[in-house]
Amino acid sequence: MYHNGRAAQESVFGELRSQSKMDYIAVRGLWGNQLYMLAAVLSHNLNRELQMETKAPDRSTTEKRAPLWIFEELRSLRHRLIQRAGRFTNPQGKLTLTMSANESVKLGLLEYLQAFQEAA
């Protein structure tokens, strides 16, 4: 059995490998691979921070120190919010993202945008 910190570390690396495309070598050079890994780690951390800023904790403190939030996987967030068909338009001189009508996606995007505005 692993110490809690070590198990959490291994789950982060497993998530990086499976969801941030860290299971292959991106380029042939050391610097390129280091940059690729840094970008993957930053996207993972930004994903977690975004979820912690926009959602209330799902749990209270536990004896085994389980995370307070149940995080949505990066892959799920990417499919639900980012990899969607849309188009930037410029009606009346105002840049607008036009997407298909999907209330769930709209609420998710508005929730994140509101958190960004409050943080700014």
PDB file of N, CA and C in Angstrom:
ATOM      1  N   MET A   1       0.844  -1.172   0.000  1.00  0.00           N
ATOM      2  CA  MET A   1       0.000   0.000   0.000  1.00  0.00           C
ATOM      3  C   MET A   1       0.887   1.231   0.000  1.00  0.00           C
ATOM      4  N   TYR A   2       0.525   2.207  -0.802  1.00  0.00           N
ATOM      5  CA  TYR A   2       1.291   3.436  -0.912  1.00  0.00           C
ATOM      6  C   TYR A   2       0.853   4.441   0.134  1.00  0.00           C
ATOM      7  N   HIS A   3       1.783   5.281   0.508  1.00  0.00           N
ATOM      8  CA  HIS A   3       1.451   6.428   1.344  1.00  0.00           C
ATOM      9  C   HIS A   3       0.515   7.316   0.531  1.00  0.00           C
ATOM     10  N   ASN A   4      -0.425   8.005   1.165  1.00  0.00           N
ATOM     11  CA  ASN A   4      -1.421   8.815   0.449  1.00  0.00           C
ATOM     12  C   ASN A   4      -0.795   9.778  -0.537  1.00  0.00           C
ATOM     13  N   GLY A   5       0.288  10.449  -0.155  1.00  0.00           N
ATOM     14  CA  GLY A   5       0.933  11.392  -1.053  1.00  0.00           C
ATOM     15  C   GLY A   5       1.469  10.721  -2.292  1.00  0.00           C
ATOM     16  N   ARG A   6       2.068   9.550  -2.116  1.00  0.00           N
ATOM     17  CA  ARG A   6       2.629   8.826  -3.257  1.00  0.00           C
ATOM     18  C   ARG A   6       1.524   8.323  -4.188  1.00  0.00           C
ATOM     19  N   ALA A   7       0.437   7.837  -3.632  1.00  0.00           N
ATOM     20  CA  ALA A   7      -0.681   7.369  -4.461  1.00  0.00           C
ATOM     21  C   ALA A   7      -1.267   8.533  -5.250  1.00  0.00           C
ATOM     22  N   ALA A   8      -1.386   9.697  -4.614  1.00  0.00           N
ATOM     23  CA  ALA A   8      -1.909  10.872  -5.319  1.00  0.00           C
ATOM     24  C   ALA A   8      -0.967  11.290  -6.430  1.00  0.00           C
ATOM     25  N   GLN A   9       0.354  11.217  -6.175  1.00  0.00           N
ATOM     26  CA  GLN A   9       1.326  11.552  -7.200  1.00  0.00           C
ATOM     27  C   GLN A   9       1.182  10.621  -8.390  1.00  0.00           C
ATOM     28  N   GLU A  10       1.054   9.340  -8.121  1.00  0.00           N
ATOM     29  CA  GLU A  10       0.948   8.379  -9.205  1.00  0.00           C
ATOM     30  C   GLU A  10      -0.341   8.561  -9.989  1.00  0.00           C
ATOM     31  N   SER A  11      -1.419   8.965  -9.326  1.00  0.00           N
ATOM     32  CA  SER A  11      -2.658   9.185 -10.063  1.00  0.00           C
ATOM     33  C   SER A  11      -2.537  10.418 -10.956  1.00  0.00           C
ATOM     34  N   VAL A  12      -1.796  11.447 -10.506  1.00  0.00           N
ATOM     35  CA  VAL A  12      -1.584  12.633 -11.340  1.00  0.00           C
ATOM     36  C   VAL A  12      -0.778  12.251 -12.571  1.00  0.00           C
ATOM     37  N   PHE A  13       0.288  11.474 -12.390  1.00  0.00           N
ATOM     38  CA  PHE A  13       1.087  11.052 -13.538  1.00  0.00           C
ATOM     39  C   PHE A  13       0.286  10.154 -14.471  1.00  0.00           C
ATOM     40  N   GLY A  14      -0.549   9.296 -13.911  1.00  0.00           N
ATOM     41  CA  GLY A  14      -1.403   8.455 -14.743  1.00  0.00           C
ATOM     42  C   GLY A  14      -2.386   9.285 -15.553  1.00  0.00           C
ATOM     43  N   GLU A  15      -2.944  10.301 -14.912  1.00  0.00           N
ATOM     44  CA  GLU A  15      -3.875  11.178 -15.631  1.00  0.00           C
ATOM     45  C   GLU A  15      -3.137  11.970 -16.709  1.00  0.00           C
ATOM     46  N   LEU A  16      -1.952  12.448 -16.403  1.00  0.00           N
ATOM     47  CA  LEU A  16      -1.158  13.149 -17.415  1.00  0.00           C
ATOM     48  C   LEU A  16      -0.878  12.235 -18.598  1.00  0.00           C
ATOM     49  N   ARG A  17      -0.515  11.009 -18.314  1.00  0.00           N
ATOM     50  CA  ARG A  17      -0.176  10.075 -19.376  1.00  0.00           C
ATOM     51  C   ARG A  17      -1.391   9.763 -20.247  1.00  0.00           C
ATOM     52  N   SER A  18      -2.528   9.527 -19.625  1.00  0.00           N
ATOM     53  CA  SER A  18      -3.688   9.099 -20.403  1.00  0.00           C
ATOM     54  C   SER A  18      -4.462  10.244 -21.035  1.00  0.00           C
ATOM     55  N   GLN A  19      -4.483  11.432 -20.410  1.00  0.00           N
ATOM     56  CA  GLN A  19      -5.342  12.501 -20.907  1.00  0.00           C
ATOM     57  C   GLN A  19      -4.600  13.686 -21.516  1.00  0.00           C
ATOM     58  N   SER A  20      -3.302  13.758 -21.290  1.00  0.00           N
ATOM     59  CA  SER A  20      -2.533  14.876 -21.844  1.00  0.00           C
ATOM     60  C   SER A  20      -1.529  14.388 -22.880  1.00  0.00           C
ATOM     61  N   LYS A  21      -1.743  13.221 -23.385  1.00  0.00           N
ATOM     62  CA  LYS A  21      -0.913  12.651 -24.446  1.00  0.00           C
ATOM     63  C   LYS A  21       0.552  12.546 -24.049  1.00  0.00           C
ATOM     64  N   MET A  22       0.801  12.175 -22.787  1.00  0.00           N
ATOM     65  CA  MET A  22       2.172  12.018 -22.321  1.00  0.00           C
ATOM     66  C   MET A  22       2.657  10.577 -22.477  1.00  0.00           C
ATOM     67  N   ASP A  23       1.906   9.749 -23.197  1.00  0.00           N
ATOM     68  CA  ASP A  23       2.287   8.352 -23.346  1.00  0.00           C
ATOM     69  C   ASP A  23       3.159   8.106 -24.581  1.00  0.00           C
ATOM     70  N   TYR A  24       3.638   9.172 -25.204  1.00  0.00           N
ATOM     71  CA  TYR A  24       4.555   9.014 -26.323  1.00  0.00           C
ATOM     72  C   TYR A  24       5.540  10.184 -26.320  1.00  0.00           C
ATOM     73  N   ILE A  25       6.601  10.033 -27.071  1.00  0.00           N
ATOM     74  CA  ILE A  25       7.616  11.080 -27.146  1.00  0.00           C
ATOM     75  C   ILE A  25       7.207  12.043 -28.252  1.00  0.00           C
ATOM     76  N   ALA A  26       7.034  13.310 -27.893  1.00  0.00           N
ATOM     77  CA  ALA A  26       6.500  14.297 -28.832  1.00  0.00           C
ATOM     78  C   ALA A  26       7.491  14.657 -29.936  1.00  0.00           C
ATOM     79  N   VAL A  27       8.718  14.917 -29.573  1.00  0.00           N
ATOM     80  CA  VAL A  27       9.732  15.307 -30.563  1.00  0.00           C
ATOM     81  C   VAL A  27      11.029  14.564 -30.251  1.00  0.00           C
ATOM     82  N   ARG A  28      12.032  14.739 -31.082  1.00  0.00           N
ATOM     83  CA  ARG A  28      13.289  14.012 -30.890  1.00  0.00           C
ATOM     84  C   ARG A  28      14.259  14.712 -29.951  1.00  0.00           C
ATOM     85  N   GLY A  29      14.019  15.965 -29.619  1.00  0.00           N
ATOM     86  CA  GLY A  29      14.961  16.707 -28.791  1.00  0.00           C
ATOM     87  C   GLY A  29      14.533  16.780 -27.338  1.00  0.00           C
ATOM     88  N   LEU A  30      15.516  16.877 -26.456  1.00  0.00           N
ATOM     89  CA  LEU A  30      15.250  16.966 -25.023  1.00  0.00           C
ATOM     90  C   LEU A  30      14.437  18.207 -24.691  1.00  0.00           C
ATOM     91  N   TRP A  31      14.823  19.354 -25.233  1.00  0.00           N
ATOM     92  CA  TRP A  31      14.139  20.610 -24.904  1.00  0.00           C
ATOM     93  C   TRP A  31      12.681  20.582 -25.362  1.00  0.00           C
ATOM     94  N   GLY A  32      12.444  20.037 -26.529  1.00  0.00           N
ATOM     95  CA  GLY A  32      11.073  19.956 -27.030  1.00  0.00           C
ATOM     96  C   GLY A  32      10.198  19.079 -26.155  1.00  0.00           C
ATOM     97  N   ASN A  33      10.734  17.959 -25.706  1.00  0.00           N
ATOM     98  CA  ASN A  33       9.977  17.068 -24.832  1.00  0.00           C
ATOM     99  C   ASN A  33       9.740  17.682 -23.463  1.00  0.00           C
ATOM    100  N   GLN A  34      10.735  18.402 -22.951  1.00  0.00           N
ATOM    101  CA  GLN A  34      10.558  19.073 -21.671  1.00  0.00           C
ATOM    102  C   GLN A  34       9.485  20.147 -21.777  1.00  0.00           C
ATOM    103  N   LEU A  35       9.490  20.891 -22.873  1.00  0.00           N
ATOM    104  CA  LEU A  35       8.473  21.926 -23.080  1.00  0.00           C
ATOM    105  C   LEU A  35       7.081  21.298 -23.212  1.00  0.00           C
ATOM    106  N   TYR A  36       6.997  20.183 -23.922  1.00  0.00           N
ATOM    107  CA  TYR A  36       5.728  19.479 -24.089  1.00  0.00           C
ATOM    108  C   TYR A  36       5.192  19.010 -22.737  1.00  0.00           C
ATOM    109  N   MET A  37       6.082  18.462 -21.905  1.00  0.00           N
ATOM    110  CA  MET A  37       5.667  17.997 -20.582  1.00  0.00           C
ATOM    111  C   MET A  37       5.241  19.166 -19.707  1.00  0.00           C
ATOM    112  N   LEU A  38       5.967  20.269 -19.766  1.00  0.00           N
ATOM    113  CA  LEU A  38       5.605  21.446 -18.990  1.00  0.00           C
ATOM    114  C   LEU A  38       4.225  21.961 -19.394  1.00  0.00           C
ATOM    115  N   ALA A  39       3.941  21.989 -20.694  1.00  0.00           N
ATOM    116  CA  ALA A  39       2.626  22.430 -21.161  1.00  0.00           C
ATOM    117  C   ALA A  39       1.526  21.494 -20.661  1.00  0.00           C
ATOM    118  N   ALA A  40       1.792  20.189 -20.650  1.00  0.00           N
ATOM    119  CA  ALA A  40       0.803  19.224 -20.160  1.00  0.00           C
ATOM    120  C   ALA A  40       0.541  19.414 -18.676  1.00  0.00           C
ATOM    121  N   VAL A  41       1.604  19.621 -17.896  1.00  0.00           N
ATOM    122  CA  VAL A  41       1.442  19.815 -16.454  1.00  0.00           C
ATOM    123  C   VAL A  41       0.691  21.118 -16.180  1.00  0.00           C
ATOM    124  N   LEU A  42       1.011  22.174 -16.917  1.00  0.00           N
ATOM    125  CA  LEU A  42       0.293  23.447 -16.745  1.00  0.00           C
ATOM    126  C   LEU A  42      -1.183  23.305 -17.088  1.00  0.00           C
ATOM    127  N   SER A  43      -1.503  22.594 -18.167  1.00  0.00           N
ATOM    128  CA  SER A  43      -2.915  22.433 -18.532  1.00  0.00           C
ATOM    129  C   SER A  43      -3.644  21.624 -17.459  1.00  0.00           C
ATOM    130  N   HIS A  44      -2.988  20.617 -16.897  1.00  0.00           N
ATOM    131  CA  HIS A  44      -3.586  19.836 -15.815  1.00  0.00           C
ATOM    132  C   HIS A  44      -3.863  20.730 -14.609  1.00  0.00           C
ATOM    133  N   ASN A  45      -2.868  21.523 -14.219  1.00  0.00           N
ATOM    134  CA  ASN A  45      -3.026  22.393 -13.052  1.00  0.00           C
ATOM    135  C   ASN A  45      -4.085  23.472 -13.288  1.00  0.00           C
ATOM    136  N   LEU A  46      -4.119  24.043 -14.488  1.00  0.00           N
ATOM    137  CA  LEU A  46      -5.145  25.045 -14.793  1.00  0.00           C
ATOM    138  C   LEU A  46      -6.539  24.436 -14.768  1.00  0.00           C
ATOM    139  N   ASN A  47      -6.664  23.213 -15.260  1.00  0.00           N
ATOM    140  CA  ASN A  47      -7.945  22.515 -15.229  1.00  0.00           C
ATOM    141  C   ASN A  47      -8.422  22.334 -13.789  1.00  0.00           C
ATOM    142  N   ARG A  48      -7.534  21.883 -12.913  1.00  0.00           N
ATOM    143  CA  ARG A  48      -7.901  21.684 -11.508  1.00  0.00           C
ATOM    144  C   ARG A  48      -8.243  23.008 -10.832  1.00  0.00           C
ATOM    145  N   GLU A  49      -7.426  24.017 -11.057  1.00  0.00           N
ATOM    146  CA  GLU A  49      -7.665  25.326 -10.438  1.00  0.00           C
ATOM    147  C   GLU A  49      -8.990  25.919 -10.915  1.00  0.00           C
ATOM    148  N   LEU A  50      -9.282  25.783 -12.196  1.00  0.00           N
ATOM    149  CA  LEU A  50     -10.543  26.280 -12.748  1.00  0.00           C
ATOM    150  C   LEU A  50     -11.725  25.610 -12.061  1.00  0.00           C
ATOM    151  N   GLN A  51     -11.658  24.312 -11.863  1.00  0.00           N
ATOM    152  CA  GLN A  51     -12.749  23.606 -11.216  1.00  0.00           C
ATOM    153  C   GLN A  51     -12.873  23.988  -9.736  1.00  0.00           C
ATOM    154  N   MET A  52     -11.739  24.197  -9.068  1.00  0.00           N
ATOM    155  CA  MET A  52     -11.794  24.576  -7.656  1.00  0.00           C
ATOM    156  C   MET A  52     -12.345  25.983  -7.477  1.00  0.00           C
ATOM    157  N   GLU A  53     -12.083  26.863  -8.438  1.00  0.00           N
ATOM    158  CA  GLU A  53     -12.576  28.238  -8.346  1.00  0.00           C
ATOM    159  C   GLU A  53     -14.063  28.354  -8.648  1.00  0.00           C
ATOM    160  N   THR A  54     -14.582  27.457  -9.471  1.00  0.00           N
ATOM    161  CA  THR A  54     -15.969  27.599  -9.923  1.00  0.00           C
ATOM    162  C   THR A  54     -16.959  26.696  -9.201  1.00  0.00           C
ATOM    163  N   LYS A  55     -16.471  25.723  -8.442  1.00  0.00           N
ATOM    164  CA  LYS A  55     -17.387  24.793  -7.790  1.00  0.00           C
ATOM    165  C   LYS A  55     -17.092  24.715  -6.297  1.00  0.00           C
ATOM    166  N   ALA A  56     -18.128  24.512  -5.540  1.00  0.00           N
ATOM    167  CA  ALA A  56     -17.968  24.313  -4.098  1.00  0.00           C
ATOM    168  C   ALA A  56     -17.375  22.923  -3.855  1.00  0.00           C
ATOM    169  N   PRO A  57     -16.651  22.751  -2.760  1.00  0.00           N
ATOM    170  CA  PRO A  57     -16.109  21.413  -2.455  1.00  0.00           C
ATOM    171  C   PRO A  57     -17.221  20.378  -2.359  1.00  0.00           C
ATOM    172  N   ASP A  58     -16.919  19.174  -2.845  1.00  0.00           N
ATOM    173  CA  ASP A  58     -17.888  18.079  -2.830  1.00  0.00           C
ATOM    174  C   ASP A  58     -17.882  17.321  -1.513  1.00  0.00           C
ATOM    175  N   ARG A  59     -16.777  17.422  -0.774  1.00  0.00           N
ATOM    176  CA  ARG A  59     -16.631  16.683   0.474  1.00  0.00           C
ATOM    177  C   ARG A  59     -16.083  17.602   1.554  1.00  0.00           C
ATOM    178  N   SER A  60     -16.159  17.110   2.767  1.00  0.00           N
ATOM    179  CA  SER A  60     -15.483  17.808   3.861  1.00  0.00           C
ATOM    180  C   SER A  60     -14.174  17.071   4.134  1.00  0.00           C
ATOM    181  N   THR A  61     -13.419  17.552   5.064  1.00  0.00           N
ATOM    182  CA  THR A  61     -12.143  16.936   5.398  1.00  0.00           C
ATOM    183  C   THR A  61     -12.369  15.510   5.909  1.00  0.00           C
ATOM    184  N   THR A  62     -11.550  14.584   5.440  1.00  0.00           N
ATOM    185  CA  THR A  62     -11.667  13.190   5.855  1.00  0.00           C
ATOM    186  C   THR A  62     -10.392  12.749   6.560  1.00  0.00           C
ATOM    187  N   GLU A  63     -10.491  11.662   7.276  1.00  0.00           N
ATOM    188  CA  GLU A  63      -9.339  11.138   7.998  1.00  0.00           C
ATOM    189  C   GLU A  63      -8.214  10.729   7.056  1.00  0.00           C
ATOM    190  N   LYS A  64      -8.576  10.219   5.886  1.00  0.00           N
ATOM    191  CA  LYS A  64      -7.564   9.785   4.917  1.00  0.00           C
ATOM    192  C   LYS A  64      -7.132  10.905   3.975  1.00  0.00           C
ATOM    193  N   ARG A  65      -7.594  12.113   4.244  1.00  0.00           N
ATOM    194  CA  ARG A  65      -7.207  13.303   3.475  1.00  0.00           C
ATOM    195  C   ARG A  65      -7.580  13.195   1.991  1.00  0.00           C
ATOM    196  N   ALA A  66      -8.772  12.740   1.719  1.00  0.00           N
ATOM    197  CA  ALA A  66      -9.259  12.671   0.344  1.00  0.00           C
ATOM    198  C   ALA A  66      -9.434  14.091  -0.187  1.00  0.00           C
ATOM    199  N   PRO A  67      -9.290  14.292  -1.499  1.00  0.00           N
ATOM    200  CA  PRO A  67      -9.472  15.640  -2.044  1.00  0.00           C
ATOM    201  C   PRO A  67     -10.876  16.165  -1.734  1.00  0.00           C
ATOM    202  N   LEU A  68     -10.971  17.455  -1.521  1.00  0.00           N
ATOM    203  CA  LEU A  68     -12.268  18.055  -1.224  1.00  0.00           C
ATOM    204  C   LEU A  68     -13.166  18.083  -2.454  1.00  0.00           C
ATOM    205  N   TRP A  69     -12.572  18.147  -3.636  1.00  0.00           N
ATOM    206  CA  TRP A  69     -13.333  18.213  -4.880  1.00  0.00           C
ATOM    207  C   TRP A  69     -13.238  16.886  -5.608  1.00  0.00           C
ATOM    208  N   ILE A  70     -14.302  16.535  -6.285  1.00  0.00           N
ATOM    209  CA  ILE A  70     -14.265  15.408  -7.219  1.00  0.00           C
ATOM    210  C   ILE A  70     -14.084  16.052  -8.590  1.00  0.00           C
ATOM    211  N   PHE A  71     -12.892  15.915  -9.145  1.00  0.00           N
ATOM    212  CA  PHE A  71     -12.538  16.639 -10.364  1.00  0.00           C
ATOM    213  C   PHE A  71     -13.048  15.938 -11.614  1.00  0.00           C
ATOM    214  N   GLU A  72     -13.499  16.752 -12.544  1.00  0.00           N
ATOM    215  CA  GLU A  72     -13.849  16.254 -13.867  1.00  0.00           C
ATOM    216  C   GLU A  72     -12.549  16.040 -14.629  1.00  0.00           C
ATOM    217  N   GLU A  73     -12.463  14.954 -15.361  1.00  0.00           N
ATOM    218  CA  GLU A  73     -11.235  14.662 -16.101  1.00  0.00           C
ATOM    219  C   GLU A  73     -11.012  15.714 -17.175  1.00  0.00           C
ATOM    220  N   LEU A  74      -9.748  15.964 -17.467  1.00  0.00           N
ATOM    221  CA  LEU A  74      -9.382  16.933 -18.495  1.00  0.00           C
ATOM    222  C   LEU A  74      -9.993  16.552 -19.839  1.00  0.00           C
ATOM    223  N   ARG A  75      -9.999  15.263 -20.128  1.00  0.00           N
ATOM    224  CA  ARG A  75     -10.569  14.786 -21.391  1.00  0.00           C
ATOM    225  C   ARG A  75     -12.056  15.133 -21.481  1.00  0.00           C
ATOM    226  N   SER A  76     -12.801  14.940 -20.387  1.00  0.00           N
ATOM    227  CA  SER A  76     -14.238  15.240 -20.379  1.00  0.00           C
ATOM    228  C   SER A  76     -14.488  16.730 -20.547  1.00  0.00           C
ATOM    229  N   LEU A  77     -13.724  17.532 -19.833  1.00  0.00           N
ATOM    230  CA  LEU A  77     -13.878  18.984 -19.938  1.00  0.00           C
ATOM    231  C   LEU A  77     -13.560  19.456 -21.355  1.00  0.00           C
ATOM    232  N   ARG A  78     -12.512  18.912 -21.924  1.00  0.00           N
ATOM    233  CA  ARG A  78     -12.114  19.285 -23.286  1.00  0.00           C
ATOM    234  C   ARG A  78     -13.209  18.933 -24.286  1.00  0.00           C
ATOM    235  N   HIS A  79     -13.788  17.729 -24.155  1.00  0.00           N
ATOM    236  CA  HIS A  79     -14.846  17.315 -25.094  1.00  0.00           C
ATOM    237  C   HIS A  79     -16.121  18.123 -24.904  1.00  0.00           C
ATOM    238  N   ARG A  80     -16.450  18.432 -23.648  1.00  0.00           N
ATOM    239  CA  ARG A  80     -17.710  19.128 -23.371  1.00  0.00           C
ATOM    240  C   ARG A  80     -17.660  20.608 -23.731  1.00  0.00           C
ATOM    241  N   LEU A  81     -16.521  21.267 -23.491  1.00  0.00           N
ATOM    242  CA  LEU A  81     -16.477  22.721 -23.662  1.00  0.00           C
ATOM    243  C   LEU A  81     -15.600  23.213 -24.801  1.00  0.00           C
ATOM    244  N   ILE A  82     -14.493  22.559 -25.054  1.00  0.00           N
ATOM    245  CA  ILE A  82     -13.526  23.110 -26.002  1.00  0.00           C
ATOM    246  C   ILE A  82     -13.683  22.533 -27.400  1.00  0.00           C
ATOM    247  N   GLN A  83     -13.791  21.233 -27.530  1.00  0.00           N
ATOM    248  CA  GLN A  83     -13.873  20.614 -28.843  1.00  0.00           C
ATOM    249  C   GLN A  83     -15.310  20.605 -29.344  1.00  0.00           C
ATOM    250  N   ARG A  84     -15.820  21.784 -29.582  1.00  0.00           N
ATOM    251  CA  ARG A  84     -17.190  21.937 -30.045  1.00  0.00           C
ATOM    252  C   ARG A  84     -17.170  22.763 -31.318  1.00  0.00           C
ATOM    253  N   ALA A  85     -18.118  22.475 -32.167  1.00  0.00           N
ATOM    254  CA  ALA A  85     -18.216  23.251 -33.393  1.00  0.00           C
ATOM    255  C   ALA A  85     -18.720  24.651 -33.058  1.00  0.00           C
ATOM    256  N   GLY A  86     -18.037  25.630 -33.559  1.00  0.00           N
ATOM    257  CA  GLY A  86     -18.433  27.005 -33.324  1.00  0.00           C
ATOM    258  C   GLY A  86     -17.735  27.915 -34.312  1.00  0.00           C
ATOM    259  N   ARG A  87     -18.139  29.161 -34.309  1.00  0.00           N
ATOM    260  CA  ARG A  87     -17.566  30.121 -35.237  1.00  0.00           C
ATOM    261  C   ARG A  87     -17.532  31.492 -34.573  1.00  0.00           C
ATOM    262  N   PHE A  88     -16.424  32.196 -34.746  1.00  0.00           N
ATOM    263  CA  PHE A  88     -16.372  33.578 -34.288  1.00  0.00           C
ATOM    264  C   PHE A  88     -16.983  34.454 -35.364  1.00  0.00           C
ATOM    265  N   THR A  89     -17.949  35.267 -34.970  1.00  0.00           N
ATOM    266  CA  THR A  89     -18.579  36.207 -35.885  1.00  0.00           C
ATOM    267  C   THR A  89     -18.409  37.613 -35.325  1.00  0.00           C
ATOM    268  N   ASN A  90     -18.731  38.597 -36.131  1.00  0.00           N
ATOM    269  CA  ASN A  90     -18.532  39.987 -35.731  1.00  0.00           C
ATOM    270  C   ASN A  90     -19.782  40.815 -36.010  1.00  0.00           C
ATOM    271  N   PRO A  91     -20.947  40.455 -35.426  1.00  0.00           N
ATOM    272  CA  PRO A  91     -22.155  41.240 -35.675  1.00  0.00           C
ATOM    273  C   PRO A  91     -22.093  42.588 -34.953  1.00  0.00           C
ATOM    274  N   GLN A  92     -22.427  43.638 -35.639  1.00  0.00           N
ATOM    275  CA  GLN A  92     -22.402  45.007 -35.128  1.00  0.00           C
ATOM    276  C   GLN A  92     -21.062  45.363 -34.473  1.00  0.00           C
ATOM    277  N   GLY A  93     -19.975  44.807 -35.006  1.00  0.00           N
ATOM    278  CA  GLY A  93     -18.648  45.146 -34.521  1.00  0.00           C
ATOM    279  C   GLY A  93     -18.269  44.513 -33.191  1.00  0.00           C
ATOM    280  N   LYS A  94     -19.055  43.564 -32.691  1.00  0.00           N
ATOM    281  CA  LYS A  94     -18.746  42.914 -31.422  1.00  0.00           C
ATOM    282  C   LYS A  94     -18.414  41.452 -31.686  1.00  0.00           C
ATOM    283  N   LEU A  95     -17.185  41.036 -31.290  1.00  0.00           N
ATOM    284  CA  LEU A  95     -16.751  39.662 -31.514  1.00  0.00           C
ATOM    285  C   LEU A  95     -17.621  38.712 -30.693  1.00  0.00           C
ATOM    286  N   THR A  96     -18.168  37.692 -31.352  1.00  0.00           N
ATOM    287  CA  THR A  96     -19.112  36.778 -30.720  1.00  0.00           C
ATOM    288  C   THR A  96     -18.775  35.343 -31.111  1.00  0.00           C
ATOM    289  N   LEU A  97     -18.823  34.444 -30.144  1.00  0.00           N
ATOM    290  CA  LEU A  97     -18.677  33.022 -30.430  1.00  0.00           C
ATOM    291  C   LEU A  97     -20.068  32.454 -30.658  1.00  0.00           C
ATOM    292  N   THR A  98     -20.305  31.929 -31.840  1.00  0.00           N
ATOM    293  CA  THR A  98     -21.594  31.356 -32.199  1.00  0.00           C
ATOM    294  C   THR A  98     -21.464  29.838 -32.206  1.00  0.00           C
ATOM    295  N   MET A  99     -22.325  29.183 -31.415  1.00  0.00           N
ATOM    296  CA  MET A  99     -22.308  27.725 -31.315  1.00  0.00           C
ATOM    297  C   MET A  99     -23.731  27.199 -31.406  1.00  0.00           C
ATOM    298  N   SER A 100     -23.859  25.882 -31.538  1.00  0.00           N
ATOM    299  CA  SER A 100     -25.189  25.286 -31.555  1.00  0.00           C
ATOM    300  C   SER A 100     -25.841  25.482 -30.189  1.00  0.00           C
ATOM    301  N   ALA A 101     -27.166  25.502 -30.171  1.00  0.00           N
ATOM    302  CA  ALA A 101     -27.904  25.721 -28.921  1.00  0.00           C
ATOM    303  C   ALA A 101     -27.823  24.482 -28.048  1.00  0.00           C
ATOM    304  N   ASN A 102     -27.064  24.568 -26.964  1.00  0.00           N
ATOM    305  CA  ASN A 102     -26.932  23.477 -26.009  1.00  0.00           C
ATOM    306  C   ASN A 102     -26.864  24.121 -24.634  1.00  0.00           C
ATOM    307  N   GLU A 103     -27.919  24.001 -23.868  1.00  0.00           N
ATOM    308  CA  GLU A 103     -28.028  24.700 -22.588  1.00  0.00           C
ATOM    309  C   GLU A 103     -26.946  24.273 -21.598  1.00  0.00           C
ATOM    310  N   SER A 104     -26.591  22.995 -21.592  1.00  0.00           N
ATOM    311  CA  SER A 104     -25.559  22.500 -20.679  1.00  0.00           C
ATOM    312  C   SER A 104     -24.205  23.151 -20.961  1.00  0.00           C
ATOM    313  N   VAL A 105     -23.836  23.224 -22.228  1.00  0.00           N
ATOM    314  CA  VAL A 105     -22.569  23.847 -22.613  1.00  0.00           C
ATOM    315  C   VAL A 105     -22.603  25.339 -22.306  1.00  0.00           C
ATOM    316  N   LYS A 106     -23.712  25.973 -22.584  1.00  0.00           N
ATOM    317  CA  LYS A 106     -23.855  27.406 -22.319  1.00  0.00           C
ATOM    318  C   LYS A 106     -23.672  27.703 -20.832  1.00  0.00           C
ATOM    319  N   LEU A 107     -24.329  26.939 -19.986  1.00  0.00           N
ATOM    320  CA  LEU A 107     -24.201  27.158 -18.540  1.00  0.00           C
ATOM    321  C   LEU A 107     -22.775  26.906 -18.062  1.00  0.00           C
ATOM    322  N   GLY A 108     -22.131  25.874 -18.592  1.00  0.00           N
ATOM    323  CA  GLY A 108     -20.749  25.585 -18.215  1.00  0.00           C
ATOM    324  C   GLY A 108     -19.802  26.704 -18.602  1.00  0.00           C
ATOM    325  N   LEU A 109     -19.939  27.190 -19.836  1.00  0.00           N
ATOM    326  CA  LEU A 109     -19.084  28.293 -20.292  1.00  0.00           C
ATOM    327  C   LEU A 109     -19.343  29.563 -19.494  1.00  0.00           C
ATOM    328  N   LEU A 110     -20.604  29.878 -19.237  1.00  0.00           N
ATOM    329  CA  LEU A 110     -20.920  31.081 -18.470  1.00  0.00           C
ATOM    330  C   LEU A 110     -20.401  30.992 -17.039  1.00  0.00           C
ATOM    331  N   GLU A 111     -20.447  29.806 -16.466  1.00  0.00           N
ATOM    332  CA  GLU A 111     -19.934  29.609 -15.116  1.00  0.00           C
ATOM    333  C   GLU A 111     -18.433  29.892 -15.057  1.00  0.00           C
ATOM    334  N   TYR A 112     -17.695  29.374 -16.032  1.00  0.00           N
ATOM    335  CA  TYR A 112     -16.255  29.606 -16.077  1.00  0.00           C
ATOM    336  C   TYR A 112     -15.937  31.071 -16.391  1.00  0.00           C
ATOM    337  N   LEU A 113     -16.673  31.671 -17.294  1.00  0.00           N
ATOM    338  CA  LEU A 113     -16.442  33.082 -17.621  1.00  0.00           C
ATOM    339  C   LEU A 113     -16.706  33.990 -16.425  1.00  0.00           C
ATOM    340  N   GLN A 114     -17.735  33.691 -15.673  1.00  0.00           N
ATOM    341  CA  GLN A 114     -18.030  34.480 -14.464  1.00  0.00           C
ATOM    342  C   GLN A 114     -16.891  34.338 -13.453  1.00  0.00           C
ATOM    343  N   ALA A 115     -16.362  33.143 -13.301  1.00  0.00           N
ATOM    344  CA  ALA A 115     -15.234  32.947 -12.376  1.00  0.00           C
ATOM    345  C   ALA A 115     -14.010  33.727 -12.837  1.00  0.00           C
ATOM    346  N   PHE A 116     -13.773  33.779 -14.152  1.00  0.00           N
ATOM    347  CA  PHE A 116     -12.653  34.556 -14.680  1.00  0.00           C
ATOM    348  C   PHE A 116     -12.840  36.039 -14.405  1.00  0.00           C
ATOM    349  N   GLN A 117     -14.061  36.532 -14.581  1.00  0.00           N
ATOM    350  CA  GLN A 117     -14.332  37.959 -14.338  1.00  0.00           C
ATOM    351  C   GLN A 117     -14.158  38.312 -12.863  1.00  0.00           C
ATOM    352  N   GLU A 118     -14.586  37.433 -11.972  1.00  0.00           N
ATOM    353  CA  GLU A 118     -14.431  37.686 -10.549  1.00  0.00           C
ATOM    354  C   GLU A 118     -12.961  37.649 -10.141  1.00  0.00           C
ATOM    355  N   ALA A 119     -12.168  36.806 -10.788  1.00  0.00           N
ATOM    356  CA  ALA A 119     -10.749  36.695 -10.457  1.00  0.00           C
ATOM    357  C   ALA A 119      -9.945  37.871 -11.000  1.00  0.00           C
ATOM    358  N   ALA A 120     -10.435  38.484 -12.065  1.00  0.00           N
ATOM    359  CA  ALA A 120      -9.675  39.576 -12.709  1.00  0.00           C
ATOM    360  C   ALA A 120      -9.727  40.866 -11.960  1.00  0.00           C
TER     361      ALA A 120
END
